[in-house]
Amino acid sequence: MSQLAERIAQFRKMATDDPENELGHFRLAQLLMEDQQMEEAVKSFRRTLELSPQFSKVYQLVGRCLIDLGRKDEAVQVLLHGYQVADERGDNMPREEMAKMLKELGAEVPAAAKQQAASPGEPGGFRCQRPGCMAGRSAHPLPKPPINDELGQRIQQCICADCWESWLRDYSIKVINEMKLDLGDEKQQAMFDQQMKGFFGFE
């Protein structure tokens, strides 16, 4: 079994054992997409959106899968909705990618809403960059890096306290249990860090 097939099996088990695990479905879908299993990837991405409908990056990925499957009309509808979600949340990168894809499909790109960015000192001045964060303008930054390294600094700069708590108290435990990781092992610690980066949208 290839390494990719092993990872697909790991996350398929995670998603099956815990159907409410947004991370499990999202990572499974990404791996299926990498393996060119586009139809299965769409199913897992759609389940991710059922659990986290504000996860704007997922609409972009569903659109790409549908284009590869030749379902262009369906892709346009998904991308239009995803563009609106990304625009409302201020997720600029997925929004611009979806705009580019819509143009390539010959569809009209909606006008972006004019949003006035709050300054860092005002309420709503911090915007969590994790795709799927539900805090929106009520997000609060972490007071200090949660880990004493470069990754910890990036998390403090980009990720809100709520998303860090969600990772720390819920998803990290699921990753360790489902993947049977020994964090005392350097390679398995690297696998854990990779999953954390994926959760926060750093990959």
C-alpha atoms as a PDB file:
ATOM      1  CA  MET A   1       0.000   0.000   0.000  1.00  0.00           C
ATOM      2  CA  SER A   2       1.363   3.430  -0.949  1.00  0.00           C
ATOM      3  CA  GLN A   3       1.874   6.175   1.625  1.00  0.00           C
ATOM      4  CA  LEU A   4      -1.023   8.146   0.105  1.00  0.00           C
ATOM      5  CA  ALA A   5      -3.309   5.116   0.303  1.00  0.00           C
ATOM      6  CA  GLU A   6      -2.323   4.610   3.948  1.00  0.00           C
ATOM      7  CA  ARG A   7      -3.164   8.229   4.780  1.00  0.00           C
ATOM      8  CA  ILE A   8      -6.504   7.935   2.968  1.00  0.00           C
ATOM      9  CA  ALA A   9      -7.277   4.841   5.029  1.00  0.00           C
ATOM     10  CA  GLN A  10      -6.335   6.648   8.265  1.00  0.00           C
ATOM     11  CA  PHE A  11      -8.599   9.598   7.600  1.00  0.00           C
ATOM     12  CA  ARG A  12     -11.404   7.477   6.231  1.00  0.00           C
ATOM     13  CA  LYS A  13     -11.381   5.647   9.573  1.00  0.00           C
ATOM     14  CA  MET A  14     -11.306   8.967  11.451  1.00  0.00           C
ATOM     15  CA  ALA A  15     -14.275  10.282   9.460  1.00  0.00           C
ATOM     16  CA  THR A  16     -16.196   7.016   9.861  1.00  0.00           C
ATOM     17  CA  ASP A  17     -15.537   6.671  13.595  1.00  0.00           C
ATOM     18  CA  ASP A  18     -16.507  10.292  14.227  1.00  0.00           C
ATOM     19  CA  PRO A  19     -18.941  11.561  11.546  1.00  0.00           C
ATOM     20  CA  GLU A  20     -18.979  15.023  13.192  1.00  0.00           C
ATOM     21  CA  ASN A  21     -15.218  15.438  12.808  1.00  0.00           C
ATOM     22  CA  GLU A  22     -14.834  18.343  10.386  1.00  0.00           C
ATOM     23  CA  LEU A  23     -11.060  17.906  10.225  1.00  0.00           C
ATOM     24  CA  GLY A  24     -11.334  14.220   9.382  1.00  0.00           C
ATOM     25  CA  HIS A  25     -13.681  14.799   6.455  1.00  0.00           C
ATOM     26  CA  PHE A  26     -11.685  17.762   5.147  1.00  0.00           C
ATOM     27  CA  ARG A  27      -8.311  16.001   5.244  1.00  0.00           C
ATOM     28  CA  LEU A  28      -9.848  12.863   3.718  1.00  0.00           C
ATOM     29  CA  ALA A  29     -11.281  14.934   0.877  1.00  0.00           C
ATOM     30  CA  GLN A  30      -7.930  16.623   0.243  1.00  0.00           C
ATOM     31  CA  LEU A  31      -6.165  13.258   0.053  1.00  0.00           C
ATOM     32  CA  LEU A  32      -8.843  11.795  -2.233  1.00  0.00           C
ATOM     33  CA  MET A  33      -8.450  14.834  -4.475  1.00  0.00           C
ATOM     34  CA  GLU A  34      -4.672  14.301  -4.518  1.00  0.00           C
ATOM     35  CA  ASP A  35      -5.329  10.678  -5.529  1.00  0.00           C
ATOM     36  CA  GLN A  36      -7.606  11.872  -8.363  1.00  0.00           C
ATOM     37  CA  GLN A  37     -10.681  10.299  -6.730  1.00  0.00           C
ATOM     38  CA  MET A  38     -12.691  13.416  -7.497  1.00  0.00           C
ATOM     39  CA  GLU A  39     -16.193  11.962  -7.022  1.00  0.00           C
ATOM     40  CA  GLU A  40     -15.324  10.661  -3.557  1.00  0.00           C
ATOM     41  CA  ALA A  41     -13.521  13.906  -2.725  1.00  0.00           C
ATOM     42  CA  VAL A  42     -16.661  15.907  -3.536  1.00  0.00           C
ATOM     43  CA  LYS A  43     -18.690  13.757  -1.120  1.00  0.00           C
ATOM     44  CA  SER A  44     -16.229  14.339   1.716  1.00  0.00           C
ATOM     45  CA  PHE A  45     -15.938  18.059   0.978  1.00  0.00           C
ATOM     46  CA  ARG A  46     -19.739  18.361   0.999  1.00  0.00           C
ATOM     47  CA  ARG A  47     -19.860  16.649   4.390  1.00  0.00           C
ATOM     48  CA  THR A  48     -17.286  19.169   5.614  1.00  0.00           C
ATOM     49  CA  LEU A  49     -19.574  21.979   4.470  1.00  0.00           C
ATOM     50  CA  GLU A  50     -22.537  20.415   6.269  1.00  0.00           C
ATOM     51  CA  LEU A  51     -20.510  20.630   9.472  1.00  0.00           C
ATOM     52  CA  SER A  52     -18.903  24.008   8.735  1.00  0.00           C
ATOM     53  CA  PRO A  53     -20.811  25.977   6.057  1.00  0.00           C
ATOM     54  CA  GLN A  54     -18.547  29.023   6.518  1.00  0.00           C
ATOM     55  CA  PHE A  55     -15.431  27.057   5.471  1.00  0.00           C
ATOM     56  CA  SER A  56     -14.920  29.100   2.290  1.00  0.00           C
ATOM     57  CA  LYS A  57     -11.832  27.255   1.028  1.00  0.00           C
ATOM     58  CA  VAL A  58     -13.895  24.072   0.671  1.00  0.00           C
ATOM     59  CA  TYR A  59     -16.189  25.663  -1.934  1.00  0.00           C
ATOM     60  CA  GLN A  60     -13.109  26.425  -4.015  1.00  0.00           C
ATOM     61  CA  LEU A  61     -11.931  22.814  -3.795  1.00  0.00           C
ATOM     62  CA  VAL A  62     -15.384  21.399  -4.584  1.00  0.00           C
ATOM     63  CA  GLY A  63     -15.505  23.677  -7.617  1.00  0.00           C
ATOM     64  CA  ARG A  64     -12.135  22.386  -8.820  1.00  0.00           C
ATOM     65  CA  CYS A  65     -13.257  18.762  -8.425  1.00  0.00           C
ATOM     66  CA  LEU A  66     -16.498  19.386 -10.309  1.00  0.00           C
ATOM     67  CA  ILE A  67     -14.604  21.089 -13.141  1.00  0.00           C
ATOM     68  CA  ASP A  68     -12.303  18.078 -13.414  1.00  0.00           C
ATOM     69  CA  LEU A  69     -15.394  15.844 -13.496  1.00  0.00           C
ATOM     70  CA  GLY A  70     -16.826  17.913 -16.365  1.00  0.00           C
ATOM     71  CA  ARG A  71     -19.766  19.181 -14.273  1.00  0.00           C
ATOM     72  CA  LYS A  72     -19.192  22.842 -15.087  1.00  0.00           C
ATOM     73  CA  ASP A  73     -22.723  24.157 -14.467  1.00  0.00           C
ATOM     74  CA  GLU A  74     -22.701  22.610 -11.008  1.00  0.00           C
ATOM     75  CA  ALA A  75     -19.231  24.026 -10.401  1.00  0.00           C
ATOM     76  CA  VAL A  76     -20.457  27.539 -11.232  1.00  0.00           C
ATOM     77  CA  GLN A  77     -23.274  27.301  -8.675  1.00  0.00           C
ATOM     78  CA  VAL A  78     -20.913  26.066  -5.958  1.00  0.00           C
ATOM     79  CA  LEU A  79     -18.333  28.742  -6.732  1.00  0.00           C
ATOM     80  CA  LEU A  80     -20.910  31.541  -6.759  1.00  0.00           C
ATOM     81  CA  HIS A  81     -22.128  30.523  -3.321  1.00  0.00           C
ATOM     82  CA  GLY A  82     -18.582  30.047  -2.076  1.00  0.00           C
ATOM     83  CA  TYR A  83     -17.584  33.462  -3.394  1.00  0.00           C
ATOM     84  CA  GLN A  84     -20.393  35.053  -1.383  1.00  0.00           C
ATOM     85  CA  VAL A  85     -19.379  33.177   1.774  1.00  0.00           C
ATOM     86  CA  ALA A  86     -15.723  34.158   1.355  1.00  0.00           C
ATOM     87  CA  ASP A  87     -16.656  37.773   0.654  1.00  0.00           C
ATOM     88  CA  GLU A  88     -18.851  38.029   3.743  1.00  0.00           C
ATOM     89  CA  ARG A  89     -16.105  36.550   5.906  1.00  0.00           C
ATOM     90  CA  GLY A  90     -13.295  38.575   4.383  1.00  0.00           C
ATOM     91  CA  ASP A  91     -11.477  35.434   3.199  1.00  0.00           C
ATOM     92  CA  ASN A  92      -9.668  37.184   0.375  1.00  0.00           C
ATOM     93  CA  MET A  93      -7.516  34.364  -0.997  1.00  0.00           C
ATOM     94  CA  PRO A  94     -10.318  31.818  -1.572  1.00  0.00           C
ATOM     95  CA  ARG A  95     -12.562  34.594  -2.893  1.00  0.00           C
ATOM     96  CA  GLU A  96      -9.992  35.664  -5.495  1.00  0.00           C
ATOM     97  CA  GLU A  97      -9.307  32.066  -6.516  1.00  0.00           C
ATOM     98  CA  MET A  98     -13.016  31.429  -6.991  1.00  0.00           C
ATOM     99  CA  ALA A  99     -13.365  34.649  -8.992  1.00  0.00           C
ATOM    100  CA  LYS A 100     -10.590  33.443 -11.296  1.00  0.00           C
ATOM    101  CA  MET A 101     -12.276  30.059 -11.711  1.00  0.00           C
ATOM    102  CA  LEU A 102     -15.646  31.659 -12.464  1.00  0.00           C
ATOM    103  CA  LYS A 103     -14.044  33.806 -15.178  1.00  0.00           C
ATOM    104  CA  GLU A 104     -12.438  30.716 -16.702  1.00  0.00           C
ATOM    105  CA  LEU A 105     -15.880  29.097 -16.793  1.00  0.00           C
ATOM    106  CA  GLY A 106     -17.345  32.141 -18.518  1.00  0.00           C
ATOM    107  CA  ALA A 107     -19.530  33.076 -15.537  1.00  0.00           C
ATOM    108  CA  GLU A 108     -20.091  36.574 -14.233  1.00  0.00           C
ATOM    109  CA  VAL A 109     -18.208  37.307 -11.025  1.00  0.00           C
ATOM    110  CA  PRO A 110     -20.351  39.035  -8.361  1.00  0.00           C
ATOM    111  CA  ALA A 111     -19.245  42.431  -7.125  1.00  0.00           C
ATOM    112  CA  ALA A 112     -17.263  42.217  -3.901  1.00  0.00           C
ATOM    113  CA  ALA A 113     -18.859  43.882  -0.899  1.00  0.00           C
ATOM    114  CA  LYS A 114     -17.108  47.005   0.297  1.00  0.00           C
ATOM    115  CA  GLN A 115     -15.780  46.207   3.733  1.00  0.00           C
ATOM    116  CA  GLN A 116     -14.145  48.712   5.982  1.00  0.00           C
ATOM    117  CA  ALA A 117     -11.420  46.997   7.954  1.00  0.00           C
ATOM    118  CA  ALA A 118     -11.341  47.750  11.639  1.00  0.00           C
ATOM    119  CA  SER A 119      -8.079  48.781  13.192  1.00  0.00           C
ATOM    120  CA  PRO A 120      -6.407  46.229  15.496  1.00  0.00           C
ATOM    121  CA  GLY A 121      -7.443  48.211  18.561  1.00  0.00           C
ATOM    122  CA  GLU A 122     -11.150  48.262  17.699  1.00  0.00           C
ATOM    123  CA  PRO A 123     -13.705  45.502  18.288  1.00  0.00           C
ATOM    124  CA  GLY A 124     -13.427  43.085  15.411  1.00  0.00           C
ATOM    125  CA  GLY A 125      -9.933  44.337  14.532  1.00  0.00           C
ATOM    126  CA  PHE A 126      -8.521  40.796  14.730  1.00  0.00           C
ATOM    127  CA  ARG A 127      -9.617  38.371  12.036  1.00  0.00           C
ATOM    128  CA  CYS A 128      -8.809  34.705  12.469  1.00  0.00           C
ATOM    129  CA  GLN A 129      -7.297  33.262   9.300  1.00  0.00           C
ATOM    130  CA  ARG A 130      -8.367  29.682   9.929  1.00  0.00           C
ATOM    131  CA  PRO A 131     -10.759  28.603   7.159  1.00  0.00           C
ATOM    132  CA  GLY A 132     -14.036  27.703   8.793  1.00  0.00           C
ATOM    133  CA  CYS A 133     -13.574  29.857  11.900  1.00  0.00           C
ATOM    134  CA  MET A 134     -17.019  30.755  13.214  1.00  0.00           C
ATOM    135  CA  ALA A 135     -15.932  33.691  15.395  1.00  0.00           C
ATOM    136  CA  GLY A 136     -15.881  36.254  12.575  1.00  0.00           C
ATOM    137  CA  ARG A 137     -15.453  39.811  13.829  1.00  0.00           C
ATOM    138  CA  SER A 138     -15.821  38.668  17.431  1.00  0.00           C
ATOM    139  CA  ALA A 139     -12.554  36.711  17.250  1.00  0.00           C
ATOM    140  CA  HIS A 140     -10.021  37.317  20.015  1.00  0.00           C
ATOM    141  CA  PRO A 141      -6.261  36.904  19.537  1.00  0.00           C
ATOM    142  CA  LEU A 142      -4.111  34.691  21.714  1.00  0.00           C
ATOM    143  CA  PRO A 143      -2.218  36.728  24.353  1.00  0.00           C
ATOM    144  CA  LYS A 144       1.049  34.918  23.583  1.00  0.00           C
ATOM    145  CA  PRO A 145       2.381  32.159  21.305  1.00  0.00           C
ATOM    146  CA  PRO A 146       0.937  28.818  22.482  1.00  0.00           C
ATOM    147  CA  ILE A 147       4.137  27.017  21.440  1.00  0.00           C
ATOM    148  CA  ASN A 148       7.675  28.320  21.874  1.00  0.00           C
ATOM    149  CA  ASP A 149       8.745  28.097  18.252  1.00  0.00           C
ATOM    150  CA  GLU A 150       8.142  29.674  14.847  1.00  0.00           C
ATOM    151  CA  LEU A 151       4.863  27.776  14.381  1.00  0.00           C
ATOM    152  CA  GLY A 152       3.622  29.066  17.740  1.00  0.00           C
ATOM    153  CA  GLN A 153       4.352  32.630  16.676  1.00  0.00           C
ATOM    154  CA  ARG A 154       2.450  32.130  13.448  1.00  0.00           C
ATOM    155  CA  ILE A 155      -0.515  30.691  15.342  1.00  0.00           C
ATOM    156  CA  GLN A 156      -0.600  33.719  17.640  1.00  0.00           C
ATOM    157  CA  GLN A 157      -0.509  36.104  14.676  1.00  0.00           C
ATOM    158  CA  CYS A 158      -3.105  34.307  12.546  1.00  0.00           C
ATOM    159  CA  ILE A 159      -5.362  32.147  14.732  1.00  0.00           C
ATOM    160  CA  CYS A 160      -7.980  33.193  17.291  1.00  0.00           C
ATOM    161  CA  ALA A 161      -8.177  31.869  20.843  1.00  0.00           C
ATOM    162  CA  ASP A 162     -11.380  29.909  20.112  1.00  0.00           C
ATOM    163  CA  CYS A 163      -9.828  27.967  17.222  1.00  0.00           C
ATOM    164  CA  TRP A 164      -6.709  27.220  19.257  1.00  0.00           C
ATOM    165  CA  GLU A 165      -8.880  25.877  22.096  1.00  0.00           C
ATOM    166  CA  SER A 166     -10.853  23.780  19.606  1.00  0.00           C
ATOM    167  CA  TRP A 167      -7.623  22.232  18.337  1.00  0.00           C
ATOM    168  CA  LEU A 168      -6.092  21.768  21.761  1.00  0.00           C
ATOM    169  CA  ARG A 169      -9.102  20.272  23.566  1.00  0.00           C
ATOM    170  CA  ASP A 170     -10.773  18.355  20.765  1.00  0.00           C
ATOM    171  CA  TYR A 171      -9.162  17.764  17.394  1.00  0.00           C
ATOM    172  CA  SER A 172      -5.578  17.212  18.567  1.00  0.00           C
ATOM    173  CA  ILE A 173      -6.764  14.391  20.817  1.00  0.00           C
ATOM    174  CA  LYS A 174      -8.705  12.817  17.957  1.00  0.00           C
ATOM    175  CA  VAL A 175      -5.639  13.026  15.707  1.00  0.00           C
ATOM    176  CA  ILE A 176      -3.428  11.353  18.325  1.00  0.00           C
ATOM    177  CA  ASN A 177      -5.960   8.612  19.046  1.00  0.00           C
ATOM    178  CA  GLU A 178      -7.043   7.891  15.489  1.00  0.00           C
ATOM    179  CA  MET A 179      -3.530   7.916  14.040  1.00  0.00           C
ATOM    180  CA  LYS A 180      -2.077   6.215  17.153  1.00  0.00           C
ATOM    181  CA  LEU A 181       0.723   8.762  17.376  1.00  0.00           C
ATOM    182  CA  ASP A 182       3.591   8.639  19.851  1.00  0.00           C
ATOM    183  CA  LEU A 183       4.671  12.264  20.227  1.00  0.00           C
ATOM    184  CA  GLY A 184       7.955  11.125  21.722  1.00  0.00           C
ATOM    185  CA  ASP A 185       8.879   9.866  18.242  1.00  0.00           C
ATOM    186  CA  GLU A 186      10.326  12.594  16.017  1.00  0.00           C
ATOM    187  CA  LYS A 187       8.641  11.369  12.825  1.00  0.00           C
ATOM    188  CA  GLN A 188       5.258  10.986  14.485  1.00  0.00           C
ATOM    189  CA  GLN A 189       5.598  14.432  16.069  1.00  0.00           C
ATOM    190  CA  ALA A 190       6.180  15.774  12.553  1.00  0.00           C
ATOM    191  CA  MET A 191       2.981  14.027  11.412  1.00  0.00           C
ATOM    192  CA  PHE A 192       1.115  15.624  14.312  1.00  0.00           C
ATOM    193  CA  ASP A 193       2.492  19.070  13.402  1.00  0.00           C
ATOM    194  CA  GLN A 194       1.409  18.497   9.796  1.00  0.00           C
ATOM    195  CA  GLN A 195      -2.155  17.810  10.906  1.00  0.00           C
ATOM    196  CA  MET A 196      -2.124  20.922  13.083  1.00  0.00           C
ATOM    197  CA  LYS A 197      -1.002  23.046  10.138  1.00  0.00           C
ATOM    198  CA  GLY A 198      -3.770  21.536   8.041  1.00  0.00           C
ATOM    199  CA  PHE A 199      -6.356  22.300  10.725  1.00  0.00           C
ATOM    200  CA  PHE A 200      -5.313  25.945  10.819  1.00  0.00           C
ATOM    201  CA  GLY A 201      -5.150  26.257   7.035  1.00  0.00           C
ATOM    202  CA  PHE A 202      -1.384  26.753   6.893  1.00  0.00           C
ATOM    203  CA  GLU A 203      -1.022  24.089   4.172  1.00  0.00           C
END
